Amino acid sequence: MLRLIKWLILLIILGGIGLTGYAYIGPYFGVDFTPDKAEIRTPVVLDAD
């Protein structure tokens, strides 16, 4: 059981390293992580007594 937990922790660590690497190296391969920019205006009514 302890061996399974060790492998699970190792996979979690490797997955985190892989996601971090993908975030840094992704733009060099044409992956765009920037969000779409749009201005949203919503009127707000304050009810102050």
Protein backbone atom coordinates (compact mmCIF):
# COMPACT_ATOMS: atom_id res chain seq x y z
CA MET A 1 0.00 0.00 0.00
CA LEU A 2 2.87 2.35 0.80
CA ARG A 3 4.39 1.65 -2.62
CA LEU A 4 1.12 2.71 -4.30
CA ILE A 5 1.05 5.96 -2.34
CA LYS A 6 4.66 6.70 -3.32
CA TRP A 7 3.85 6.18 -7.00
CA LEU A 8 0.78 8.38 -6.71
CA ILE A 9 2.78 11.20 -5.13
CA LEU A 10 5.44 10.82 -7.83
CA LEU A 11 2.81 11.03 -10.58
CA ILE A 12 1.28 14.14 -9.01
CA ILE A 13 4.69 15.83 -8.84
CA LEU A 14 5.54 14.88 -12.42
CA GLY A 15 2.14 16.10 -13.59
CA GLY A 16 2.69 19.46 -11.90
CA ILE A 17 6.11 19.79 -13.50
CA GLY A 18 4.64 18.86 -16.87
CA LEU A 19 1.83 21.41 -16.64
CA THR A 20 4.26 24.13 -15.57
CA GLY A 21 6.57 23.28 -18.45
CA TYR A 22 3.68 23.32 -20.90
CA ALA A 23 2.62 26.76 -19.64
CA TYR A 24 6.11 28.16 -20.21
CA ILE A 25 7.03 26.34 -23.43
CA GLY A 26 3.55 26.29 -25.03
CA PRO A 27 3.77 29.75 -26.67
CA TYR A 28 6.87 28.64 -28.60
CA PHE A 29 4.76 25.93 -30.24
CA GLY A 30 1.91 28.27 -31.18
CA VAL A 31 -0.36 27.74 -28.19
CA ASP A 32 -2.00 31.01 -27.12
CA PHE A 33 -3.06 31.27 -23.48
CA THR A 34 -4.24 34.88 -23.51
CA PRO A 35 -7.94 35.40 -22.76
CA ASP A 36 -10.29 37.18 -25.15
CA LYS A 37 -10.60 40.84 -24.26
CA ALA A 38 -14.06 42.35 -24.13
CA GLU A 39 -15.41 45.33 -22.24
CA ILE A 40 -18.53 44.57 -20.24
CA ARG A 41 -20.61 47.40 -18.81
CA THR A 42 -23.31 46.62 -16.30
CA PRO A 43 -25.28 49.41 -14.63
CA VAL A 44 -25.34 49.24 -10.83
CA VAL A 45 -28.12 50.78 -8.76
CA LEU A 46 -27.11 51.51 -5.16
CA ASP A 47 -29.90 51.54 -2.64
CA ALA A 48 -28.53 53.68 0.18
CA ASP A 49 -30.96 54.70 2.90
